[in-house]
Amino acid sequence: MVFAIRNLSVLAYANGFTLWHYKAGKERLEIVVKPDFFADASDMLAVGDMIMVTAADGARIICVTLSDIETVLTAPLA
């Protein structure tokens, strides 16, 4: 499955920070956390934003570490 913008929603926003939720459906976490999975949303995501991901094999909170034109990198919270 490819990224679906309709499955990305804002949970909270304050002071330039956004907490997102992404429902991956049947997609597995290993796919969703790959570089540029969220590239189509690069114009909406900012460095430091967090995304709560629910996928077929579990859930994870990831942080946006780079958001540039058509490039989005994320990292799991430690």
PDB file of N, CA and C in Angstrom:
ATOM      1  N   MET A   1       0.843  -1.183   0.000  1.00  0.00           N
ATOM      2  CA  MET A   1       0.000   0.000   0.000  1.00  0.00           C
ATOM      3  C   MET A   1       0.882   1.239   0.000  1.00  0.00           C
ATOM      4  N   VAL A   2       0.467   2.204  -0.690  1.00  0.00           N
ATOM      5  CA  VAL A   2       1.172   3.471  -0.746  1.00  0.00           C
ATOM      6  C   VAL A   2       0.555   4.430   0.277  1.00  0.00           C
ATOM      7  N   PHE A   3       1.264   5.501   0.550  1.00  0.00           N
ATOM      8  CA  PHE A   3       0.758   6.521   1.458  1.00  0.00           C
ATOM      9  C   PHE A   3      -0.580   7.049   0.962  1.00  0.00           C
ATOM     10  N   ALA A   4      -1.545   7.178   1.871  1.00  0.00           N
ATOM     11  CA  ALA A   4      -2.862   7.727   1.535  1.00  0.00           C
ATOM     12  C   ALA A   4      -3.103   8.962   2.398  1.00  0.00           C
ATOM     13  N   ILE A   5      -3.142  10.115   1.784  1.00  0.00           N
ATOM     14  CA  ILE A   5      -3.298  11.370   2.502  1.00  0.00           C
ATOM     15  C   ILE A   5      -4.568  11.387   3.352  1.00  0.00           C
ATOM     16  N   ARG A   6      -5.607  10.705   2.912  1.00  0.00           N
ATOM     17  CA  ARG A   6      -6.868  10.683   3.662  1.00  0.00           C
ATOM     18  C   ARG A   6      -6.741   9.951   4.995  1.00  0.00           C
ATOM     19  N   ASN A   7      -5.670   9.160   5.169  1.00  0.00           N
ATOM     20  CA  ASN A   7      -5.461   8.430   6.416  1.00  0.00           C
ATOM     21  C   ASN A   7      -4.579   9.182   7.409  1.00  0.00           C
ATOM     22  N   LEU A   8      -4.159  10.393   7.051  1.00  0.00           N
ATOM     23  CA  LEU A   8      -3.341  11.228   7.925  1.00  0.00           C
ATOM     24  C   LEU A   8      -4.219  12.336   8.493  1.00  0.00           C
ATOM     25  N   SER A   9      -4.278  12.419   9.821  1.00  0.00           N
ATOM     26  CA  SER A   9      -5.122  13.441  10.428  1.00  0.00           C
ATOM     27  C   SER A   9      -4.414  14.108  11.602  1.00  0.00           C
ATOM     28  N   VAL A  10      -4.796  15.347  11.860  1.00  0.00           N
ATOM     29  CA  VAL A  10      -4.230  16.118  12.954  1.00  0.00           C
ATOM     30  C   VAL A  10      -4.975  15.790  14.241  1.00  0.00           C
ATOM     31  N   LEU A  11      -4.209  15.465  15.284  1.00  0.00           N
ATOM     32  CA  LEU A  11      -4.802  15.231  16.604  1.00  0.00           C
ATOM     33  C   LEU A  11      -4.692  16.480  17.472  1.00  0.00           C
ATOM     34  N   ALA A  12      -3.563  17.187  17.362  1.00  0.00           N
ATOM     35  CA  ALA A  12      -3.358  18.399  18.163  1.00  0.00           C
ATOM     36  C   ALA A  12      -2.341  19.298  17.460  1.00  0.00           C
ATOM     37  N   TYR A  13      -2.506  20.606  17.684  1.00  0.00           N
ATOM     38  CA  TYR A  13      -1.581  21.572  17.103  1.00  0.00           C
ATOM     39  C   TYR A  13      -1.385  22.706  18.094  1.00  0.00           C
ATOM     40  N   ALA A  14      -0.128  23.077  18.355  1.00  0.00           N
ATOM     41  CA  ALA A  14       0.166  24.212  19.229  1.00  0.00           C
ATOM     42  C   ALA A  14       1.591  24.683  18.990  1.00  0.00           C
ATOM     43  N   ASN A  15       1.776  25.993  18.933  1.00  0.00           N
ATOM     44  CA  ASN A  15       3.103  26.605  18.843  1.00  0.00           C
ATOM     45  C   ASN A  15       3.990  26.014  17.744  1.00  0.00           C
ATOM     46  N   GLY A  16       3.421  25.722  16.594  1.00  0.00           N
ATOM     47  CA  GLY A  16       4.198  25.197  15.477  1.00  0.00           C
ATOM     48  C   GLY A  16       4.461  23.705  15.519  1.00  0.00           C
ATOM     49  N   PHE A  17       3.917  23.017  16.512  1.00  0.00           N
ATOM     50  CA  PHE A  17       4.067  21.564  16.642  1.00  0.00           C
ATOM     51  C   PHE A  17       2.736  20.904  16.310  1.00  0.00           C
ATOM     52  N   THR A  18       2.797  19.798  15.576  1.00  0.00           N
ATOM     53  CA  THR A  18       1.580  19.051  15.252  1.00  0.00           C
ATOM     54  C   THR A  18       1.752  17.597  15.645  1.00  0.00           C
ATOM     55  N   LEU A  19       0.730  17.066  16.286  1.00  0.00           N
ATOM     56  CA  LEU A  19       0.645  15.642  16.602  1.00  0.00           C
ATOM     57  C   LEU A  19      -0.320  15.043  15.597  1.00  0.00           C
ATOM     58  N   TRP A  20       0.164  14.079  14.837  1.00  0.00           N
ATOM     59  CA  TRP A  20      -0.608  13.461  13.760  1.00  0.00           C
ATOM     60  C   TRP A  20      -0.971  12.023  14.114  1.00  0.00           C
ATOM     61  N   HIS A  21      -1.965  11.502  13.403  1.00  0.00           N
ATOM     62  CA  HIS A  21      -2.263  10.079  13.454  1.00  0.00           C
ATOM     63  C   HIS A  21      -2.314   9.582  12.012  1.00  0.00           C
ATOM     64  N   TYR A  22      -1.695   8.430  11.766  1.00  0.00           N
ATOM     65  CA  TYR A  22      -1.767   7.813  10.447  1.00  0.00           C
ATOM     66  C   TYR A  22      -2.264   6.387  10.599  1.00  0.00           C
ATOM     67  N   LYS A  23      -3.379   6.094   9.957  1.00  0.00           N
ATOM     68  CA  LYS A  23      -3.945   4.741   9.969  1.00  0.00           C
ATOM     69  C   LYS A  23      -3.453   4.015   8.726  1.00  0.00           C
ATOM     70  N   ALA A  24      -2.533   3.057   8.944  1.00  0.00           N
ATOM     71  CA  ALA A  24      -1.889   2.373   7.826  1.00  0.00           C
ATOM     72  C   ALA A  24      -2.703   1.217   7.258  1.00  0.00           C
ATOM     73  N   GLY A  25      -3.799   0.874   7.904  1.00  0.00           N
ATOM     74  CA  GLY A  25      -4.629  -0.211   7.393  1.00  0.00           C
ATOM     75  C   GLY A  25      -3.911  -1.546   7.426  1.00  0.00           C
ATOM     76  N   LYS A  26      -3.784  -2.192   6.280  1.00  0.00           N
ATOM     77  CA  LYS A  26      -3.136  -3.509   6.200  1.00  0.00           C
ATOM     78  C   LYS A  26      -1.614  -3.420   6.099  1.00  0.00           C
ATOM     79  N   GLU A  27      -1.110  -2.194   5.983  1.00  0.00           N
ATOM     80  CA  GLU A  27       0.341  -2.008   5.856  1.00  0.00           C
ATOM     81  C   GLU A  27       1.049  -2.309   7.167  1.00  0.00           C
ATOM     82  N   ARG A  28       2.256  -2.847   7.057  1.00  0.00           N
ATOM     83  CA  ARG A  28       3.054  -3.182   8.246  1.00  0.00           C
ATOM     84  C   ARG A  28       3.934  -1.994   8.639  1.00  0.00           C
ATOM     85  N   LEU A  29       4.310  -1.940   9.906  1.00  0.00           N
ATOM     86  CA  LEU A  29       5.137  -0.846  10.424  1.00  0.00           C
ATOM     87  C   LEU A  29       6.443  -0.687   9.660  1.00  0.00           C
ATOM     88  N   GLU A  30       7.076  -1.783   9.273  1.00  0.00           N
ATOM     89  CA  GLU A  30       8.369  -1.707   8.588  1.00  0.00           C
ATOM     90  C   GLU A  30       8.285  -0.921   7.285  1.00  0.00           C
ATOM     91  N   ILE A  31       7.124  -0.886   6.669  1.00  0.00           N
ATOM     92  CA  ILE A  31       6.933  -0.120   5.430  1.00  0.00           C
ATOM     93  C   ILE A  31       6.690   1.351   5.743  1.00  0.00           C
ATOM     94  N   VAL A  32       5.854   1.608   6.731  1.00  0.00           N
ATOM     95  CA  VAL A  32       5.465   2.981   7.067  1.00  0.00           C
ATOM     96  C   VAL A  32       6.648   3.812   7.573  1.00  0.00           C
ATOM     97  N   VAL A  33       7.593   3.200   8.236  1.00  0.00           N
ATOM     98  CA  VAL A  33       8.724   3.960   8.790  1.00  0.00           C
ATOM     99  C   VAL A  33       9.887   4.125   7.808  1.00  0.00           C
ATOM    100  N   LYS A  34       9.759   3.602   6.609  1.00  0.00           N
ATOM    101  CA  LYS A  34      10.821   3.759   5.603  1.00  0.00           C
ATOM    102  C   LYS A  34      10.943   5.223   5.178  1.00  0.00           C
ATOM    103  N   PRO A  35      12.161   5.641   4.796  1.00  0.00           N
ATOM    104  CA  PRO A  35      12.354   7.014   4.320  1.00  0.00           C
ATOM    105  C   PRO A  35      11.402   7.349   3.175  1.00  0.00           C
ATOM    106  N   ASP A  36      10.874   8.534   3.223  1.00  0.00           N
ATOM    107  CA  ASP A  36       9.994   9.103   2.198  1.00  0.00           C
ATOM    108  C   ASP A  36       8.629   8.447   2.073  1.00  0.00           C
ATOM    109  N   PHE A  37       8.220   7.597   3.031  1.00  0.00           N
ATOM    110  CA  PHE A  37       6.856   7.067   2.986  1.00  0.00           C
ATOM    111  C   PHE A  37       5.862   8.225   3.021  1.00  0.00           C
ATOM    112  N   PHE A  38       6.173   9.261   3.810  1.00  0.00           N
ATOM    113  CA  PHE A  38       5.274  10.404   3.958  1.00  0.00           C
ATOM    114  C   PHE A  38       5.635  11.553   3.012  1.00  0.00           C
ATOM    115  N   ALA A  39       6.388  11.291   1.955  1.00  0.00           N
ATOM    116  CA  ALA A  39       6.861  12.335   1.042  1.00  0.00           C
ATOM    117  C   ALA A  39       5.726  13.155   0.434  1.00  0.00           C
ATOM    118  N   ASP A  40       4.608  12.537   0.161  1.00  0.00           N
ATOM    119  CA  ASP A  40       3.486  13.278  -0.432  1.00  0.00           C
ATOM    120  C   ASP A  40       2.881  14.295   0.534  1.00  0.00           C
ATOM    121  N   ALA A  41       3.223  14.202   1.813  1.00  0.00           N
ATOM    122  CA  ALA A  41       2.739  15.155   2.810  1.00  0.00           C
ATOM    123  C   ALA A  41       3.846  16.097   3.268  1.00  0.00           C
ATOM    124  N   SER A  42       4.927  16.178   2.505  1.00  0.00           N
ATOM    125  CA  SER A  42       6.080  16.983   2.918  1.00  0.00           C
ATOM    126  C   SER A  42       5.733  18.454   3.113  1.00  0.00           C
ATOM    127  N   ASP A  43       4.720  18.938   2.420  1.00  0.00           N
ATOM    128  CA  ASP A  43       4.325  20.340   2.569  1.00  0.00           C
ATOM    129  C   ASP A  43       3.523  20.587   3.845  1.00  0.00           C
ATOM    130  N   MET A  44       3.097  19.521   4.525  1.00  0.00           N
ATOM    131  CA  MET A  44       2.312  19.659   5.755  1.00  0.00           C
ATOM    132  C   MET A  44       3.110  19.309   7.004  1.00  0.00           C
ATOM    133  N   LEU A  45       4.110  18.461   6.862  1.00  0.00           N
ATOM    134  CA  LEU A  45       4.877  17.984   8.010  1.00  0.00           C
ATOM    135  C   LEU A  45       6.077  18.881   8.276  1.00  0.00           C
ATOM    136  N   ALA A  46       6.385  19.063   9.564  1.00  0.00           N
ATOM    137  CA  ALA A  46       7.524  19.888   9.957  1.00  0.00           C
ATOM    138  C   ALA A  46       8.444  19.089  10.871  1.00  0.00           C
ATOM    139  N   VAL A  47       9.708  19.443  10.872  1.00  0.00           N
ATOM    140  CA  VAL A  47      10.674  18.799  11.755  1.00  0.00           C
ATOM    141  C   VAL A  47      10.198  18.954  13.196  1.00  0.00           C
ATOM    142  N   GLY A  48      10.203  17.848  13.922  1.00  0.00           N
ATOM    143  CA  GLY A  48       9.742  17.840  15.305  1.00  0.00           C
ATOM    144  C   GLY A  48       8.308  17.374  15.472  1.00  0.00           C
ATOM    145  N   ASP A  49       7.535  17.368  14.394  1.00  0.00           N
ATOM    146  CA  ASP A  49       6.179  16.821  14.471  1.00  0.00           C
ATOM    147  C   ASP A  49       6.252  15.348  14.842  1.00  0.00           C
ATOM    148  N   MET A  50       5.221  14.857  15.514  1.00  0.00           N
ATOM    149  CA  MET A  50       5.150  13.435  15.848  1.00  0.00           C
ATOM    150  C   MET A  50       3.948  12.816  15.154  1.00  0.00           C
ATOM    151  N   ILE A  51       4.133  11.578  14.731  1.00  0.00           N
ATOM    152  CA  ILE A  51       3.065  10.846  14.054  1.00  0.00           C
ATOM    153  C   ILE A  51       2.817   9.554  14.815  1.00  0.00           C
ATOM    154  N   MET A  52       1.590   9.384  15.275  1.00  0.00           N
ATOM    155  CA  MET A  52       1.179   8.125  15.889  1.00  0.00           C
ATOM    156  C   MET A  52       0.695   7.238  14.740  1.00  0.00           C
ATOM    157  N   VAL A  53       1.345   6.119  14.561  1.00  0.00           N
ATOM    158  CA  VAL A  53       1.024   5.215  13.458  1.00  0.00           C
ATOM    159  C   VAL A  53       0.359   3.963  14.009  1.00  0.00           C
ATOM    160  N   THR A  54      -0.784   3.607  13.440  1.00  0.00           N
ATOM    161  CA  THR A  54      -1.384   2.315  13.741  1.00  0.00           C
ATOM    162  C   THR A  54      -1.346   1.503  12.454  1.00  0.00           C
ATOM    163  N   ALA A  55      -0.786   0.318  12.562  1.00  0.00           N
ATOM    164  CA  ALA A  55      -0.602  -0.541  11.393  1.00  0.00           C
ATOM    165  C   ALA A  55      -1.139  -1.934  11.689  1.00  0.00           C
ATOM    166  N   ALA A  56      -1.048  -2.804  10.716  1.00  0.00           N
ATOM    167  CA  ALA A  56      -1.573  -4.159  10.852  1.00  0.00           C
ATOM    168  C   ALA A  56      -0.852  -4.954  11.937  1.00  0.00           C
ATOM    169  N   ASP A  57       0.414  -4.638  12.176  1.00  0.00           N
ATOM    170  CA  ASP A  57       1.202  -5.418  13.134  1.00  0.00           C
ATOM    171  C   ASP A  57       1.560  -4.634  14.403  1.00  0.00           C
ATOM    172  N   GLY A  58       0.856  -3.542  14.670  1.00  0.00           N
ATOM    173  CA  GLY A  58       1.097  -2.810  15.904  1.00  0.00           C
ATOM    174  C   GLY A  58       1.017  -1.308  15.723  1.00  0.00           C
ATOM    175  N   ALA A  59       1.611  -0.599  16.676  1.00  0.00           N
ATOM    176  CA  ALA A  59       1.582   0.866  16.656  1.00  0.00           C
ATOM    177  C   ALA A  59       2.953   1.395  17.042  1.00  0.00           C
ATOM    178  N   ARG A  60       3.208   2.623  16.644  1.00  0.00           N
ATOM    179  CA  ARG A  60       4.497   3.248  16.952  1.00  0.00           C
ATOM    180  C   ARG A  60       4.325   4.767  16.857  1.00  0.00           C
ATOM    181  N   ILE A  61       5.097   5.479  17.645  1.00  0.00           N
ATOM    182  CA  ILE A  61       5.151   6.929  17.528  1.00  0.00           C
ATOM    183  C   ILE A  61       6.488   7.268  16.881  1.00  0.00           C
ATOM    184  N   ILE A  62       6.422   8.032  15.795  1.00  0.00           N
ATOM    185  CA  ILE A  62       7.634   8.428  15.096  1.00  0.00           C
ATOM    186  C   ILE A  62       7.728   9.956  15.074  1.00  0.00           C
ATOM    187  N   CYS A  63       8.941  10.439  14.952  1.00  0.00           N
ATOM    188  CA  CYS A  63       9.203  11.871  14.921  1.00  0.00           C
ATOM    189  C   CYS A  63       9.730  12.245  13.535  1.00  0.00           C
ATOM    190  N   VAL A  64       9.272  13.363  13.021  1.00  0.00           N
ATOM    191  CA  VAL A  64       9.762  13.852  11.734  1.00  0.00           C
ATOM    192  C   VAL A  64      11.129  14.493  11.967  1.00  0.00           C
ATOM    193  N   THR A  65      12.159  13.953  11.324  1.00  0.00           N
ATOM    194  CA  THR A  65      13.521  14.466  11.498  1.00  0.00           C
ATOM    195  C   THR A  65      13.975  15.336  10.333  1.00  0.00           C
ATOM    196  N   LEU A  66      13.318  15.199   9.183  1.00  0.00           N
ATOM    197  CA  LEU A  66      13.614  16.022   8.018  1.00  0.00           C
ATOM    198  C   LEU A  66      12.360  16.131   7.184  1.00  0.00           C
ATOM    199  N   SER A  67      12.006  17.343   6.823  1.00  0.00           N
ATOM    200  CA  SER A  67      10.863  17.566   5.939  1.00  0.00           C
ATOM    201  C   SER A  67      11.250  18.653   4.957  1.00  0.00           C
ATOM    202  N   ASP A  68      11.434  18.253   3.711  1.00  0.00           N
ATOM    203  CA  ASP A  68      11.856  19.149   2.649  1.00  0.00           C
ATOM    204  C   ASP A  68      10.977  18.842   1.440  1.00  0.00           C
ATOM    205  N   ILE A  69      11.189  19.510   0.368  1.00  0.00           N
ATOM    206  CA  ILE A  69      10.384  19.283  -0.835  1.00  0.00           C
ATOM    207  C   ILE A  69      10.448  17.813  -1.227  1.00  0.00           C
ATOM    208  N   GLU A  70       9.314  17.126  -1.130  1.00  0.00           N
ATOM    209  CA  GLU A  70       9.151  15.709  -1.482  1.00  0.00           C
ATOM    210  C   GLU A  70      10.084  14.776  -0.719  1.00  0.00           C
ATOM    211  N   THR A  71      10.579  15.202   0.433  1.00  0.00           N
ATOM    212  CA  THR A  71      11.434  14.356   1.253  1.00  0.00           C
ATOM    213  C   THR A  71      10.974  14.436   2.706  1.00  0.00           C
ATOM    214  N   VAL A  72      10.714  13.287   3.283  1.00  0.00           N
ATOM    215  CA  VAL A  72      10.363  13.227   4.706  1.00  0.00           C
ATOM    216  C   VAL A  72      11.094  12.039   5.314  1.00  0.00           C
ATOM    217  N   LEU A  73      11.884  12.322   6.359  1.00  0.00           N
ATOM    218  CA  LEU A  73      12.552  11.257   7.101  1.00  0.00           C
ATOM    219  C   LEU A  73      11.976  11.237   8.509  1.00  0.00           C
ATOM    220  N   THR A  74      11.816  10.043   9.043  1.00  0.00           N
ATOM    221  CA  THR A  74      11.276   9.887  10.389  1.00  0.00           C
ATOM    222  C   THR A  74      12.190   8.970  11.201  1.00  0.00           C
ATOM    223  N   ALA A  75      12.016   9.029  12.513  1.00  0.00           N
ATOM    224  CA  ALA A  75      12.766   8.172  13.417  1.00  0.00           C
ATOM    225  C   ALA A  75      11.846   7.795  14.567  1.00  0.00           C
ATOM    226  N   PRO A  76      11.973   6.559  15.058  1.00  0.00           N
ATOM    227  CA  PRO A  76      11.130   6.157  16.199  1.00  0.00           C
ATOM    228  C   PRO A  76      11.555   6.911  17.464  1.00  0.00           C
ATOM    229  N   LEU A  77      10.606   7.139  18.337  1.00  0.00           N
ATOM    230  CA  LEU A  77      10.937   7.750  19.619  1.00  0.00           C
ATOM    231  C   LEU A  77      11.653   6.720  20.465  1.00  0.00           C
ATOM    232  N   ALA A  78      12.679   7.142  21.144  1.00  0.00           N
ATOM    233  CA  ALA A  78      13.461   6.219  21.980  1.00  0.00           C
ATOM    234  C   ALA A  78      12.947   6.217  23.397  1.00  0.00           C
TER     235      ALA A  78
END
